[in-house]
Protein backbone atom coordinates (compact mmCIF):
# COMPACT_ATOMS: atom_id res chain seq x y z
CA MET A 1 -7.81 25.89 20.58
CA VAL A 2 -8.49 22.20 20.23
CA VAL A 3 -5.59 21.53 17.87
CA GLU A 4 -3.12 23.35 20.11
CA ALA A 5 -4.25 21.29 23.11
CA GLU A 6 -3.81 18.05 21.18
CA ILE A 7 -0.37 19.11 19.96
CA GLU A 8 0.63 19.76 23.56
CA LYS A 9 -0.23 16.14 24.39
CA LEU A 10 2.25 14.94 21.77
CA LYS A 11 5.33 16.42 23.49
CA LYS A 12 6.35 13.13 25.11
CA PHE A 13 6.27 11.43 21.74
CA ARG A 14 8.31 14.21 20.16
CA ASP A 15 10.84 14.12 22.98
CA SER A 16 11.40 10.39 22.46
CA LEU A 17 12.34 10.82 18.78
CA ARG A 18 15.86 11.08 17.40
CA LEU A 19 16.94 14.59 16.49
CA GLU A 20 16.39 14.27 12.73
CA ASP A 21 12.95 12.76 13.35
CA LYS A 22 12.09 15.52 15.82
CA LEU A 23 12.68 18.08 13.09
CA ILE A 24 10.32 16.25 10.74
CA PHE A 25 7.73 15.88 13.49
CA GLU A 26 7.98 19.58 14.33
CA ASP A 27 7.36 20.38 10.67
CA LEU A 28 4.28 18.15 10.74
CA LEU A 29 2.95 19.96 13.80
CA ASN A 30 3.68 23.35 12.26
CA GLN A 31 1.61 22.34 9.24
CA CYS A 32 -1.24 21.49 11.61
CA LYS A 33 -1.04 24.92 13.17
CA LEU A 34 -1.60 26.53 9.77
CA TYR A 35 -5.10 25.06 9.67
CA ALA A 36 -5.84 25.01 13.40
CA SER A 37 -8.52 27.69 13.33
CA ALA A 38 -10.42 26.00 10.50
CA ALA A 39 -10.07 22.57 12.11
CA SER A 40 -11.18 23.88 15.49
CA SER A 41 -14.51 24.86 13.95
CA LEU A 42 -15.40 21.17 13.61
CA ALA A 43 -18.02 19.96 16.02
CA SER A 44 -16.48 16.55 16.69
CA PRO A 45 -16.89 14.56 19.91
CA VAL A 46 -13.42 13.12 19.25
CA LYS A 47 -10.80 15.75 20.12
CA GLU A 48 -8.17 14.24 17.84
CA VAL A 49 -10.28 14.67 14.67
CA PRO A 50 -9.35 18.34 14.05
CA LEU A 51 -5.67 17.49 14.47
CA ILE A 52 -5.87 14.54 12.11
CA LEU A 53 -7.87 16.51 9.56
CA SER A 54 -5.28 19.31 9.68
CA ILE A 55 -2.50 16.79 9.05
CA LEU A 56 -4.40 15.14 6.19
CA PHE A 57 -5.20 18.46 4.59
CA ALA A 58 -1.59 19.67 4.83
CA HIS A 59 -0.36 16.42 3.28
CA HIS A 60 -2.94 16.51 0.53
CA LYS A 61 -2.09 20.10 -0.29
CA LYS A 62 1.62 19.29 -0.46
CA LEU A 63 0.97 16.19 -2.57
CA SER A 64 -1.20 18.18 -4.98
CA GLU A 65 1.53 20.79 -5.34
CA LEU A 66 4.16 18.12 -6.02
CA GLU A 67 1.90 16.45 -8.60
CA ARG A 68 1.37 19.81 -10.33
CA ARG A 69 5.12 20.44 -10.43
CA LEU A 70 5.77 16.95 -11.76
CA GLU A 71 3.22 17.42 -14.53
CA GLU A 72 4.70 20.83 -15.40
CA GLY A 73 8.15 19.24 -15.52
CA ARG A 74 6.93 16.52 -17.82
CA GLY A 75 5.34 19.11 -20.10
CA THR A 76 8.57 21.08 -20.27
CA THR A 77 10.64 17.96 -20.93
CA SER A 78 8.25 16.77 -23.66
CA ALA A 79 8.26 20.14 -25.39
CA THR A 80 12.07 20.32 -25.28
CA SER A 81 12.56 16.79 -26.61
CA GLN A 82 10.17 17.38 -29.53
CA GLN A 83 12.29 20.24 -30.90
């Protein structure tokens, strides 16, 4: 898979990170792997595009979920304070 091959190239970068940063980076790469098959279907001449798109999608999905939770929390707080 294209994404897997690109992730393999990033090992030197990962190895140069501090331990706490390595854990965050590993999480980032694991998120990419979730969408690797969909991203690999892209017909891009630039090999990094599927990897970057996987990262962007994972971040957007997480951001959307956090926004939804924040809005739900605001709704709950507003309803409670009105009573």
